[in-house]
N, C-alpha and C. Protein backbone atom coordinates (compact mmCIF):
# COMPACT_ATOMS: atom_id res chain seq x y z
N MET A 1 128.72 160.01 65.80
CA MET A 1 127.26 159.98 65.68
C MET A 1 126.88 159.28 64.41
N ALA A 2 126.03 158.30 64.48
CA ALA A 2 125.58 157.58 63.30
C ALA A 2 124.50 158.37 62.60
N LEU A 3 124.52 158.35 61.27
CA LEU A 3 123.46 158.98 60.51
C LEU A 3 122.19 158.14 60.61
N PRO A 4 121.03 158.70 60.31
CA PRO A 4 119.77 157.95 60.46
C PRO A 4 119.79 156.65 59.69
N ARG A 5 119.08 155.63 60.23
CA ARG A 5 119.08 154.30 59.61
C ARG A 5 118.54 154.32 58.19
N ARG A 6 117.61 155.25 57.93
CA ARG A 6 116.94 155.24 56.63
C ARG A 6 117.87 155.72 55.51
N THR A 7 119.05 156.15 55.89
CA THR A 7 119.96 156.68 54.88
C THR A 7 121.04 155.68 54.57
N THR A 8 121.68 155.88 53.43
CA THR A 8 122.80 155.04 53.02
C THR A 8 124.05 155.87 53.10
N ALA A 9 125.04 155.43 53.82
CA ALA A 9 126.25 156.22 54.01
C ALA A 9 127.30 155.79 53.00
N THR A 10 127.97 156.76 52.43
CA THR A 10 129.08 156.50 51.53
C THR A 10 130.30 157.14 52.12
N THR A 11 131.37 156.40 52.25
CA THR A 11 132.57 156.91 52.91
C THR A 11 133.71 157.00 51.91
N PHE A 12 134.30 158.15 51.91
CA PHE A 12 135.47 158.35 51.07
C PHE A 12 136.62 158.70 52.00
N THR A 13 137.72 157.99 51.93
CA THR A 13 138.86 158.27 52.79
C THR A 13 140.06 158.57 51.92
N ALA A 14 140.70 159.69 52.19
CA ALA A 14 141.87 160.09 51.42
C ALA A 14 143.06 160.15 52.33
N LEU A 15 144.18 159.56 51.94
CA LEU A 15 145.39 159.54 52.76
C LEU A 15 146.51 160.15 51.95
N ALA A 16 147.10 161.21 52.49
CA ALA A 16 148.21 161.86 51.79
C ALA A 16 149.48 161.59 52.56
N VAL A 17 150.50 161.09 51.90
CA VAL A 17 151.76 160.78 52.56
C VAL A 17 152.86 161.56 51.86
N LEU A 18 153.65 162.30 52.62
CA LEU A 18 154.73 163.13 52.07
C LEU A 18 156.06 162.57 52.50
N ILE A 19 156.92 162.29 51.53
CA ILE A 19 158.28 161.83 51.84
C ILE A 19 159.22 162.98 51.52
N THR A 20 159.93 163.46 52.53
CA THR A 20 160.82 164.60 52.36
C THR A 20 162.13 164.14 51.77
N LEU A 21 162.53 164.79 50.67
CA LEU A 21 163.76 164.40 50.00
C LEU A 21 164.89 165.39 50.27
N GLY A 22 164.68 166.33 51.15
CA GLY A 22 165.70 167.33 51.40
C GLY A 22 165.71 168.40 50.34
N LEU A 23 164.65 168.46 49.51
CA LEU A 23 164.55 169.45 48.47
C LEU A 23 163.53 170.49 48.87
N PRO A 24 163.64 171.73 48.37
CA PRO A 24 162.64 172.76 48.71
C PRO A 24 161.29 172.39 48.18
N GLY A 25 160.25 172.72 48.90
CA GLY A 25 158.90 172.41 48.45
C GLY A 25 157.91 172.92 49.45
N GLY A 26 156.63 173.01 49.08
CA GLY A 26 155.60 173.51 49.98
C GLY A 26 154.48 172.53 50.15
N GLY A 27 153.72 172.66 51.22
CA GLY A 27 152.57 171.80 51.48
C GLY A 27 151.30 172.50 51.07
N PRO A 28 150.15 171.90 51.39
CA PRO A 28 148.87 172.52 51.04
C PRO A 28 148.68 173.83 51.76
N ALA A 29 147.99 174.76 51.11
CA ALA A 29 147.76 176.08 51.72
C ALA A 29 146.48 176.06 52.52
N TYR A 30 146.53 176.59 53.71
CA TYR A 30 145.38 176.63 54.59
C TYR A 30 144.99 178.07 54.85
N ALA A 31 143.68 178.33 54.94
CA ALA A 31 143.22 179.67 55.25
C ALA A 31 143.59 180.03 56.67
N ASP A 32 143.91 181.28 56.91
CA ASP A 32 144.30 181.77 58.23
C ASP A 32 143.09 181.80 59.13
N ASP A 33 143.17 181.11 60.30
CA ASP A 33 142.04 181.06 61.22
C ASP A 33 141.67 182.44 61.76
N ASP A 34 142.63 183.39 61.69
CA ASP A 34 142.35 184.72 62.22
C ASP A 34 141.68 185.62 61.19
N ASP A 35 141.50 185.13 59.98
CA ASP A 35 140.88 185.93 58.93
C ASP A 35 139.37 185.74 59.00
N PRO A 36 138.61 186.76 59.40
CA PRO A 36 137.16 186.59 59.54
C PRO A 36 136.44 186.40 58.23
N SER A 37 137.13 186.58 57.09
CA SER A 37 136.47 186.45 55.80
C SER A 37 136.47 185.02 55.29
N ALA A 38 137.17 184.11 55.97
CA ALA A 38 137.24 182.73 55.51
C ALA A 38 136.97 181.78 56.65
N PRO A 39 136.12 180.76 56.44
CA PRO A 39 135.88 179.78 57.50
C PRO A 39 137.17 179.07 57.87
N PRO A 40 137.52 178.97 59.15
CA PRO A 40 138.74 178.25 59.55
C PRO A 40 138.72 176.85 59.01
N GLY A 41 139.87 176.39 58.55
CA GLY A 41 139.97 175.03 58.00
C GLY A 41 139.78 174.98 56.51
N SER A 42 139.44 176.11 55.86
CA SER A 42 139.30 176.12 54.41
C SER A 42 140.64 175.78 53.78
N VAL A 43 140.59 175.00 52.70
CA VAL A 43 141.82 174.54 52.06
C VAL A 43 141.82 174.94 50.60
N THR A 44 142.93 175.48 50.13
CA THR A 44 143.10 175.79 48.72
C THR A 44 144.01 174.74 48.12
N THR A 45 143.55 174.06 47.08
CA THR A 45 144.34 173.01 46.46
C THR A 45 144.59 173.32 44.99
N SER A 46 145.61 172.72 44.43
CA SER A 46 145.93 172.87 43.01
C SER A 46 146.47 171.55 42.51
N PRO A 47 146.37 171.28 41.18
CA PRO A 47 146.87 170.01 40.66
C PRO A 47 148.36 169.86 40.93
N PRO A 48 148.83 168.64 41.20
CA PRO A 48 150.26 168.45 41.47
C PRO A 48 151.09 168.73 40.22
N PRO A 49 152.28 169.30 40.37
CA PRO A 49 153.11 169.58 39.19
C PRO A 49 153.63 168.30 38.56
N GLU A 50 153.89 168.36 37.26
CA GLU A 50 154.47 167.21 36.58
C GLU A 50 155.94 167.10 36.98
N VAL A 51 156.38 165.88 37.24
CA VAL A 51 157.75 165.64 37.69
C VAL A 51 158.44 164.69 36.73
N ASP A 52 159.65 165.07 36.29
CA ASP A 52 160.47 164.23 35.43
C ASP A 52 161.28 163.29 36.33
N ALA A 53 160.95 162.02 36.29
CA ALA A 53 161.60 161.06 37.16
C ALA A 53 163.10 160.95 36.90
N ASN A 54 163.55 161.36 35.71
CA ASN A 54 164.97 161.26 35.36
C ASN A 54 165.73 162.55 35.61
N SER A 55 165.08 163.54 36.21
CA SER A 55 165.74 164.82 36.45
C SER A 55 166.89 164.65 37.44
N PRO A 56 168.06 165.22 37.11
CA PRO A 56 169.21 165.14 38.03
C PRO A 56 168.92 165.79 39.39
N GLY A 57 168.00 166.77 39.39
CA GLY A 57 167.68 167.46 40.64
C GLY A 57 166.99 166.57 41.66
N LEU A 58 166.49 165.41 41.22
CA LEU A 58 165.81 164.51 42.13
C LEU A 58 166.76 163.52 42.80
N LYS A 59 168.02 163.53 42.36
CA LYS A 59 168.97 162.59 42.93
C LYS A 59 169.48 163.10 44.27
N LEU A 60 169.66 162.17 45.21
CA LEU A 60 170.19 162.54 46.52
C LEU A 60 171.68 162.88 46.41
N ALA A 61 172.05 163.89 47.18
CA ALA A 61 173.47 164.23 47.24
C ALA A 61 174.23 163.13 47.96
N ASP A 62 175.53 163.06 47.74
CA ASP A 62 176.35 162.04 48.40
C ASP A 62 176.19 162.14 49.92
N GLY A 63 175.89 161.03 50.54
CA GLY A 63 175.75 160.99 51.99
C GLY A 63 174.36 161.36 52.49
N ALA A 64 173.47 161.82 51.59
CA ALA A 64 172.13 162.21 52.01
C ALA A 64 171.26 160.97 52.20
N THR A 65 170.28 161.07 53.08
CA THR A 65 169.34 159.98 53.33
C THR A 65 167.92 160.50 53.30
N LEU A 66 166.98 159.62 53.06
CA LEU A 66 165.57 159.99 53.04
C LEU A 66 165.06 160.25 54.46
N ALA A 67 164.26 161.28 54.61
CA ALA A 67 163.62 161.55 55.91
C ALA A 67 162.46 160.59 56.10
N PRO A 68 162.02 160.38 57.35
CA PRO A 68 160.87 159.48 57.58
C PRO A 68 159.62 160.01 56.89
N ALA A 69 158.77 159.10 56.46
CA ALA A 69 157.50 159.49 55.84
C ALA A 69 156.62 160.19 56.85
N LYS A 70 155.83 161.17 56.40
CA LYS A 70 154.94 161.91 57.28
C LYS A 70 153.51 161.82 56.76
N VAL A 71 152.59 161.50 57.63
CA VAL A 71 151.18 161.50 57.27
C VAL A 71 150.65 162.92 57.47
N LEU A 72 150.26 163.57 56.39
CA LEU A 72 149.81 164.96 56.48
C LEU A 72 148.41 165.05 57.05
N ASP A 73 147.50 164.26 56.53
CA ASP A 73 146.13 164.36 57.01
C ASP A 73 145.32 163.18 56.49
N ILE A 74 144.29 162.82 57.22
CA ILE A 74 143.35 161.80 56.79
C ILE A 74 141.96 162.41 56.91
N LYS A 75 141.19 162.36 55.86
CA LYS A 75 139.83 162.90 55.91
C LYS A 75 138.84 161.80 55.55
N SER A 76 137.83 161.64 56.39
CA SER A 76 136.75 160.71 56.13
C SER A 76 135.47 161.51 55.98
N VAL A 77 134.73 161.24 54.90
CA VAL A 77 133.49 161.95 54.63
C VAL A 77 132.35 160.95 54.53
N VAL A 78 131.32 161.16 55.35
CA VAL A 78 130.13 160.30 55.32
C VAL A 78 128.92 161.19 55.04
N GLU A 79 128.18 160.84 54.00
CA GLU A 79 127.02 161.65 53.61
C GLU A 79 125.82 160.74 53.41
N ASP A 80 124.66 161.17 53.90
CA ASP A 80 123.48 160.33 53.69
C ASP A 80 123.07 160.40 52.23
N LEU A 81 122.19 159.49 51.83
CA LEU A 81 121.86 159.32 50.42
C LEU A 81 121.31 160.59 49.79
N GLY A 82 120.51 161.34 50.53
CA GLY A 82 119.94 162.57 49.98
C GLY A 82 120.83 163.77 50.13
N GLY A 83 121.97 163.62 50.79
CA GLY A 83 122.88 164.73 50.99
C GLY A 83 122.41 165.72 52.03
N GLU A 84 121.37 165.36 52.81
CA GLU A 84 120.84 166.28 53.80
C GLU A 84 121.81 166.51 54.95
N GLU A 85 122.62 165.52 55.24
CA GLU A 85 123.57 165.61 56.34
C GLU A 85 124.89 165.00 55.92
N ARG A 86 125.97 165.69 56.27
CA ARG A 86 127.30 165.21 55.92
C ARG A 86 128.21 165.36 57.14
N ARG A 87 129.02 164.34 57.37
CA ARG A 87 130.00 164.39 58.46
C ARG A 87 131.39 164.25 57.87
N GLU A 88 132.30 165.16 58.27
CA GLU A 88 133.69 165.08 57.85
C GLU A 88 134.56 164.94 59.10
N ASP A 89 135.45 163.95 59.07
CA ASP A 89 136.41 163.74 60.16
C ASP A 89 137.82 163.91 59.61
N THR A 90 138.62 164.74 60.26
CA THR A 90 140.03 164.84 59.94
C THR A 90 140.82 164.47 61.20
N ASN A 91 142.12 164.56 61.11
CA ASN A 91 142.95 164.24 62.27
C ASN A 91 142.64 165.15 63.45
N SER A 92 142.16 166.37 63.16
CA SER A 92 142.01 167.35 64.24
C SER A 92 140.57 167.77 64.51
N ASP A 93 139.68 167.69 63.51
CA ASP A 93 138.34 168.25 63.67
C ASP A 93 137.24 167.32 63.20
N VAL A 94 136.03 167.60 63.69
CA VAL A 94 134.81 166.96 63.21
C VAL A 94 133.88 168.06 62.72
N THR A 95 133.31 167.89 61.53
CA THR A 95 132.39 168.88 60.97
C THR A 95 131.10 168.20 60.55
N PHE A 96 129.98 168.75 60.99
CA PHE A 96 128.67 168.32 60.53
C PHE A 96 128.09 169.44 59.66
N ALA A 97 127.60 169.08 58.49
CA ALA A 97 126.94 170.04 57.61
C ALA A 97 125.50 169.59 57.40
N LEU A 98 124.55 170.45 57.75
CA LEU A 98 123.13 170.15 57.60
C LEU A 98 122.52 171.08 56.58
N GLN A 99 121.82 170.53 55.59
CA GLN A 99 121.16 171.37 54.60
C GLN A 99 120.06 172.19 55.27
N ALA A 100 119.90 173.41 54.77
CA ALA A 100 118.93 174.33 55.37
C ALA A 100 117.51 173.75 55.33
N GLU A 101 117.20 172.98 54.28
CA GLU A 101 115.84 172.47 54.15
C GLU A 101 115.43 171.53 55.28
N VAL A 102 116.39 170.86 55.91
CA VAL A 102 116.04 169.97 57.02
C VAL A 102 116.02 170.71 58.35
N LEU A 103 116.42 171.97 58.35
CA LEU A 103 116.44 172.75 59.58
C LEU A 103 115.39 173.85 59.62
N PHE A 104 115.13 174.47 58.46
CA PHE A 104 114.31 175.68 58.43
C PHE A 104 113.27 175.65 57.31
N PRO A 105 112.15 176.35 57.50
CA PRO A 105 111.24 176.58 56.38
C PRO A 105 111.93 177.51 55.37
N LYS A 106 111.33 177.66 54.21
CA LYS A 106 111.91 178.48 53.15
C LYS A 106 112.09 179.92 53.61
N ASP A 107 113.30 180.46 53.36
CA ASP A 107 113.65 181.85 53.66
C ASP A 107 113.36 182.21 55.11
N SER A 108 113.60 181.26 56.02
CA SER A 108 113.30 181.48 57.43
C SER A 108 114.49 181.05 58.28
N SER A 109 114.59 181.61 59.48
CA SER A 109 115.62 181.20 60.43
C SER A 109 115.00 180.56 61.67
N LYS A 110 113.74 180.15 61.56
CA LYS A 110 113.06 179.48 62.66
C LYS A 110 113.19 177.97 62.47
N LEU A 111 113.76 177.29 63.46
CA LEU A 111 113.99 175.86 63.34
C LEU A 111 112.68 175.09 63.24
N ASN A 112 112.65 174.08 62.37
CA ASN A 112 111.46 173.24 62.28
C ASN A 112 111.60 172.05 63.24
N PRO A 113 110.52 171.31 63.50
CA PRO A 113 110.56 170.23 64.49
C PRO A 113 111.63 169.18 64.22
N GLU A 114 111.87 168.86 62.94
CA GLU A 114 112.85 167.82 62.61
C GLU A 114 114.27 168.23 63.00
N ALA A 115 114.51 169.54 63.06
CA ALA A 115 115.86 170.02 63.32
C ALA A 115 116.34 169.67 64.72
N HIS A 116 115.44 169.62 65.67
CA HIS A 116 115.85 169.45 67.07
C HIS A 116 116.57 168.13 67.32
N SER A 117 116.07 167.04 66.74
CA SER A 117 116.71 165.75 66.96
C SER A 117 118.08 165.69 66.29
N ARG A 118 118.22 166.33 65.13
CA ARG A 118 119.51 166.35 64.45
C ARG A 118 120.54 167.16 65.24
N ILE A 119 120.12 168.30 65.76
CA ILE A 119 121.02 169.14 66.54
C ILE A 119 121.37 168.46 67.86
N GLN A 120 120.42 167.75 68.46
CA GLN A 120 120.69 167.02 69.70
C GLN A 120 121.76 165.95 69.45
N ALA A 121 121.69 165.29 68.30
CA ALA A 121 122.68 164.26 67.99
C ALA A 121 124.07 164.88 67.86
N ILE A 122 124.16 166.08 67.27
CA ILE A 122 125.45 166.77 67.17
C ILE A 122 125.94 167.16 68.57
N ALA A 123 125.04 167.63 69.41
CA ALA A 123 125.41 167.98 70.79
C ALA A 123 125.96 166.75 71.52
N ASP A 124 125.37 165.59 71.30
CA ASP A 124 125.85 164.37 71.93
C ASP A 124 127.28 164.06 71.48
N GLU A 125 127.57 164.31 70.20
CA GLU A 125 128.92 164.05 69.70
C GLU A 125 129.91 165.07 70.26
N ILE A 126 129.49 166.31 70.40
CA ILE A 126 130.36 167.33 71.01
C ILE A 126 130.73 166.90 72.43
N LYS A 127 129.76 166.39 73.17
CA LYS A 127 130.04 165.90 74.53
C LYS A 127 130.99 164.71 74.49
N ALA A 128 130.78 163.81 73.54
CA ALA A 128 131.62 162.62 73.45
C ALA A 128 133.07 162.99 73.14
N GLN A 129 133.26 164.06 72.37
CA GLN A 129 134.60 164.49 72.01
C GLN A 129 135.20 165.44 73.06
N ASN A 130 134.41 165.78 74.08
CA ASN A 130 134.88 166.70 75.13
C ASN A 130 135.35 168.03 74.56
N ALA A 131 134.65 168.51 73.53
CA ALA A 131 135.05 169.75 72.87
C ALA A 131 134.67 170.96 73.73
N THR A 132 135.54 171.94 73.74
CA THR A 132 135.28 173.18 74.49
C THR A 132 135.16 174.39 73.57
N THR A 133 135.40 174.20 72.26
CA THR A 133 135.20 175.26 71.28
C THR A 133 134.37 174.71 70.12
N VAL A 134 133.38 175.46 69.70
CA VAL A 134 132.47 175.02 68.64
C VAL A 134 132.25 176.17 67.67
N ARG A 135 132.38 175.91 66.38
CA ARG A 135 132.11 176.90 65.35
C ARG A 135 130.80 176.56 64.67
N VAL A 136 129.95 177.55 64.53
CA VAL A 136 128.66 177.38 63.87
C VAL A 136 128.59 178.41 62.75
N PHE A 137 128.64 177.93 61.50
CA PHE A 137 128.68 178.82 60.34
C PHE A 137 127.47 178.57 59.44
N GLY A 138 126.85 179.65 58.98
CA GLY A 138 125.72 179.55 58.07
C GLY A 138 126.11 179.99 56.66
N PHE A 139 125.49 179.34 55.65
CA PHE A 139 125.77 179.64 54.25
C PHE A 139 124.46 179.59 53.45
N THR A 140 124.40 180.36 52.37
CA THR A 140 123.24 180.32 51.47
C THR A 140 123.72 180.02 50.06
N ASP A 141 122.79 179.96 49.11
CA ASP A 141 123.15 179.85 47.70
C ASP A 141 123.34 181.26 47.15
N ASN A 142 123.43 181.38 45.81
CA ASN A 142 123.68 182.69 45.21
C ASN A 142 122.43 183.36 44.67
N LEU A 143 121.26 182.86 45.06
CA LEU A 143 120.01 183.51 44.65
C LEU A 143 119.71 184.68 45.59
N GLY A 144 119.10 185.72 45.06
CA GLY A 144 118.80 186.88 45.89
C GLY A 144 120.05 187.72 46.11
N SER A 145 119.91 188.76 46.91
CA SER A 145 121.04 189.67 47.13
C SER A 145 122.03 189.09 48.13
N TYR A 146 123.27 189.53 48.01
CA TYR A 146 124.31 189.08 48.93
C TYR A 146 123.98 189.53 50.36
N ALA A 147 123.50 190.76 50.49
CA ALA A 147 123.20 191.30 51.82
C ALA A 147 122.11 190.49 52.51
N HIS A 148 121.07 190.11 51.75
CA HIS A 148 120.01 189.30 52.36
C HIS A 148 120.55 187.94 52.79
N GLY A 149 121.41 187.36 51.93
CA GLY A 149 122.01 186.07 52.27
C GLY A 149 122.88 186.16 53.50
N LEU A 150 123.57 187.28 53.67
CA LEU A 150 124.43 187.46 54.84
C LEU A 150 123.60 187.48 56.12
N THR A 151 122.49 188.22 56.07
CA THR A 151 121.62 188.28 57.25
C THR A 151 120.98 186.93 57.54
N LEU A 152 120.47 186.27 56.50
CA LEU A 152 119.80 184.99 56.68
C LEU A 152 120.76 183.92 57.19
N SER A 153 121.96 183.86 56.61
CA SER A 153 122.92 182.83 57.03
C SER A 153 123.36 183.05 58.48
N LYS A 154 123.51 184.31 58.89
CA LYS A 154 123.90 184.59 60.27
C LYS A 154 122.77 184.22 61.24
N LYS A 155 121.53 184.57 60.89
CA LYS A 155 120.41 184.24 61.77
C LYS A 155 120.23 182.73 61.90
N ARG A 156 120.45 182.00 60.81
CA ARG A 156 120.33 180.54 60.87
C ARG A 156 121.44 179.94 61.74
N ALA A 157 122.64 180.47 61.61
CA ALA A 157 123.74 180.00 62.46
C ALA A 157 123.43 180.28 63.93
N GLU A 158 122.87 181.44 64.20
CA GLU A 158 122.53 181.79 65.58
C GLU A 158 121.43 180.87 66.13
N ALA A 159 120.47 180.51 65.28
CA ALA A 159 119.40 179.62 65.72
C ALA A 159 119.95 178.24 66.09
N VAL A 160 120.87 177.72 65.27
CA VAL A 160 121.48 176.43 65.57
C VAL A 160 122.34 176.54 66.83
N HIS A 161 123.06 177.65 66.97
CA HIS A 161 123.86 177.86 68.18
C HIS A 161 122.99 177.84 69.43
N ASP A 162 121.86 178.55 69.39
CA ASP A 162 120.99 178.61 70.57
C ASP A 162 120.50 177.22 70.96
N GLN A 163 120.12 176.42 69.95
CA GLN A 163 119.63 175.07 70.24
C GLN A 163 120.76 174.18 70.74
N LEU A 164 121.96 174.32 70.17
CA LEU A 164 123.10 173.54 70.62
C LEU A 164 123.46 173.88 72.07
N ALA A 165 123.49 175.18 72.37
CA ALA A 165 123.85 175.62 73.71
C ALA A 165 122.87 175.07 74.74
N ALA A 166 121.58 175.07 74.37
CA ALA A 166 120.57 174.54 75.29
C ALA A 166 120.75 173.03 75.47
N ALA A 167 121.06 172.33 74.39
CA ALA A 167 121.23 170.88 74.47
C ALA A 167 122.48 170.50 75.26
N LEU A 168 123.53 171.31 75.13
CA LEU A 168 124.78 171.01 75.83
C LEU A 168 124.68 171.38 77.31
N GLY A 169 123.96 172.45 77.60
CA GLY A 169 123.78 172.86 78.98
C GLY A 169 125.07 173.14 79.71
N SER A 170 126.07 173.65 79.01
CA SER A 170 127.37 173.92 79.62
C SER A 170 127.81 175.34 79.33
N THR A 171 128.43 175.97 80.31
CA THR A 171 128.95 177.32 80.13
C THR A 171 130.45 177.28 79.86
N ASP A 172 131.01 176.08 79.73
CA ASP A 172 132.45 175.93 79.51
C ASP A 172 132.81 175.85 78.03
N ILE A 173 131.83 175.99 77.14
CA ILE A 173 132.07 175.88 75.71
C ILE A 173 132.06 177.27 75.08
N THR A 174 133.07 177.55 74.29
CA THR A 174 133.16 178.82 73.57
C THR A 174 132.65 178.62 72.14
N PHE A 175 131.68 179.43 71.74
CA PHE A 175 131.10 179.34 70.40
C PHE A 175 131.62 180.47 69.52
N GLU A 176 131.80 180.15 68.25
CA GLU A 176 132.08 181.15 67.22
C GLU A 176 130.96 181.03 66.19
N VAL A 177 130.19 182.09 66.02
CA VAL A 177 129.00 182.03 65.16
C VAL A 177 129.13 183.08 64.06
N ARG A 178 129.01 182.64 62.81
CA ARG A 178 129.15 183.55 61.67
C ARG A 178 128.21 183.17 60.54
N GLY A 179 127.90 184.15 59.71
CA GLY A 179 127.15 183.92 58.48
C GLY A 179 127.98 184.38 57.30
N TYR A 180 127.97 183.59 56.21
CA TYR A 180 128.85 183.86 55.07
C TYR A 180 128.09 184.08 53.76
N SER A 181 126.75 184.16 53.82
CA SER A 181 125.96 184.36 52.60
C SER A 181 126.33 183.28 51.58
N GLU A 182 126.61 183.69 50.33
CA GLU A 182 126.88 182.73 49.25
C GLU A 182 128.36 182.37 49.13
N ASP A 183 129.21 182.94 50.00
CA ASP A 183 130.63 182.64 49.95
C ASP A 183 130.90 181.18 50.32
N TYR A 184 131.98 180.64 49.80
CA TYR A 184 132.46 179.29 50.09
C TYR A 184 131.43 178.20 49.75
N PRO A 185 130.94 178.19 48.51
CA PRO A 185 130.02 177.10 48.11
C PRO A 185 130.76 175.77 48.06
N ILE A 186 130.03 174.69 48.31
CA ILE A 186 130.63 173.36 48.23
C ILE A 186 130.11 172.60 47.02
N ALA A 187 129.22 173.24 46.24
CA ALA A 187 128.65 172.62 45.05
C ALA A 187 128.38 173.71 44.02
N ASP A 188 127.99 173.29 42.81
CA ASP A 188 127.74 174.21 41.72
C ASP A 188 126.39 174.92 41.91
N ASN A 189 126.41 176.24 41.91
CA ASN A 189 125.18 177.00 42.10
C ASN A 189 124.33 177.10 40.84
N THR A 190 124.75 176.49 39.74
CA THR A 190 123.97 176.58 38.51
C THR A 190 122.83 175.57 38.47
N SER A 191 122.79 174.64 39.42
CA SER A 191 121.71 173.66 39.49
C SER A 191 121.04 173.73 40.85
N GLU A 192 119.77 173.34 40.92
CA GLU A 192 119.07 173.34 42.20
C GLU A 192 119.68 172.33 43.16
N GLN A 193 120.16 171.21 42.62
CA GLN A 193 120.81 170.22 43.48
C GLN A 193 122.05 170.82 44.15
N GLY A 194 122.83 171.58 43.39
CA GLY A 194 124.00 172.21 43.95
C GLY A 194 123.64 173.31 44.94
N ARG A 195 122.65 174.12 44.59
CA ARG A 195 122.24 175.20 45.49
C ARG A 195 121.72 174.64 46.81
N ARG A 196 121.04 173.50 46.75
CA ARG A 196 120.52 172.88 47.97
C ARG A 196 121.67 172.51 48.91
N LYS A 197 122.78 172.00 48.36
CA LYS A 197 123.93 171.65 49.19
C LYS A 197 124.59 172.89 49.78
N ASN A 198 124.56 173.98 49.01
CA ASN A 198 125.20 175.21 49.50
C ASN A 198 124.40 175.89 50.59
N ARG A 199 123.10 175.68 50.61
CA ARG A 199 122.26 176.24 51.69
C ARG A 199 122.40 175.32 52.89
N ARG A 200 123.25 175.71 53.83
CA ARG A 200 123.61 174.78 54.89
C ARG A 200 124.08 175.52 56.14
N VAL A 201 124.13 174.78 57.25
CA VAL A 201 124.77 175.23 58.47
C VAL A 201 125.81 174.18 58.84
N GLU A 202 127.03 174.63 59.12
CA GLU A 202 128.11 173.72 59.49
C GLU A 202 128.47 173.91 60.96
N VAL A 203 128.68 172.80 61.64
CA VAL A 203 129.11 172.81 63.04
C VAL A 203 130.44 172.07 63.11
N THR A 204 131.48 172.76 63.58
CA THR A 204 132.82 172.19 63.62
C THR A 204 133.39 172.28 65.04
N PHE A 205 134.07 171.22 65.46
CA PHE A 205 134.69 171.21 66.79
C PHE A 205 135.89 170.26 66.77
N PRO A 206 136.84 170.45 67.68
CA PRO A 206 138.05 169.60 67.71
C PRO A 206 137.71 168.17 68.13
N ARG A 207 138.49 167.24 67.60
CA ARG A 207 138.37 165.86 68.04
C ARG A 207 139.00 165.72 69.42
N GLY A 208 138.38 164.92 70.28
CA GLY A 208 138.94 164.68 71.60
C GLY A 208 140.12 163.73 71.52
N GLU A 209 141.12 163.95 72.36
CA GLU A 209 142.31 163.10 72.34
C GLU A 209 141.97 161.64 72.65
N SER A 210 140.99 161.44 73.52
CA SER A 210 140.63 160.07 73.90
C SER A 210 139.72 159.42 72.89
N ASN A 211 139.26 160.22 71.89
CA ASN A 211 138.34 159.68 70.89
C ASN A 211 138.92 159.77 69.50
N GLY A 212 140.23 159.76 69.39
CA GLY A 212 140.88 159.94 68.09
C GLY A 212 140.52 158.89 67.09
N ASP A 213 140.06 157.70 67.55
CA ASP A 213 139.73 156.64 66.62
C ASP A 213 138.26 156.60 66.29
N SER A 214 137.42 157.48 66.87
CA SER A 214 135.99 157.42 66.61
C SER A 214 135.68 157.98 65.25
N SER A 215 134.58 157.51 64.61
CA SER A 215 134.18 158.02 63.33
C SER A 215 132.67 158.19 63.28
N GLY A 216 132.74 157.72 63.18
CA GLY A 216 131.32 157.76 63.15
C GLY A 216 130.79 158.08 61.72
N THR A 217 120.38 179.90 52.31
CA THR A 217 120.02 180.18 51.05
C THR A 217 118.96 181.10 51.21
N GLN A 218 119.53 181.05 50.80
CA GLN A 218 118.31 181.76 50.55
C GLN A 218 117.39 180.75 49.93
N SER A 219 116.40 180.37 50.62
CA SER A 219 115.51 179.33 50.14
C SER A 219 114.15 179.91 49.85
C-alpha cells in the first residue's frame, strides 16, 4: 500500500548476515508469541560484544570449514513526513502503525472520518497478501493512569478491528485484538512528539508467499 501522495517517504533497510564459524553463540532474542504481556514480534537487542580479531579461539580447527552465510532478517521501514503512518516489512510480516490523532478525537475511541480511508487501504493490503490472521494492538502514552490507558487502548484497537472486519467482509480471518496502555513505547515519552508516536494502533499480518517481493494515549 502506498502512503498518501502528500507525504514524503523515507526508507531504511537493514540487512543482517550471520556467518557460522562452528563456535557457540546466540541470535537475537524474540518475545514469546504465547506471552499475552508482550506484542508478538517484539525484539530485544543489545550492543554487539567486542571481538579480538587475533584471539586463538576464532581460528578454525584443523579440517573445519565455514558454514554457508545465512540471512537472518530484512526490515524495511517507510514513514510519512509527519510520522502519522508507518509501514514495516520484514521477511515474514507487514505492520502498519497509525497515530491515534489521525484515527480518533482526543481521549476517544470513536473513529473520525479520515480514519476510514486509511483503514480501507490497510484492508486492501491484507487482501493482497492473502492474510488469514491479523493482529490489532492499541497503545497510549504515559500520561494519565495506566488503567485508563489500558481501557482506552483496547477500545481503540476494537474500533479499528470492527472497521477492518467490515472492509474485509470475510469470515475466514482470525483477529487478535489487545490493548497495552503505555507499555512498549516506540519513542521517548518525555516530549509531545514522542508521546504522539506512542499513541497508536498497530495492525500486523503475515506476508503472502506470492507477494514476498511487495513493499510497498491517552490524548
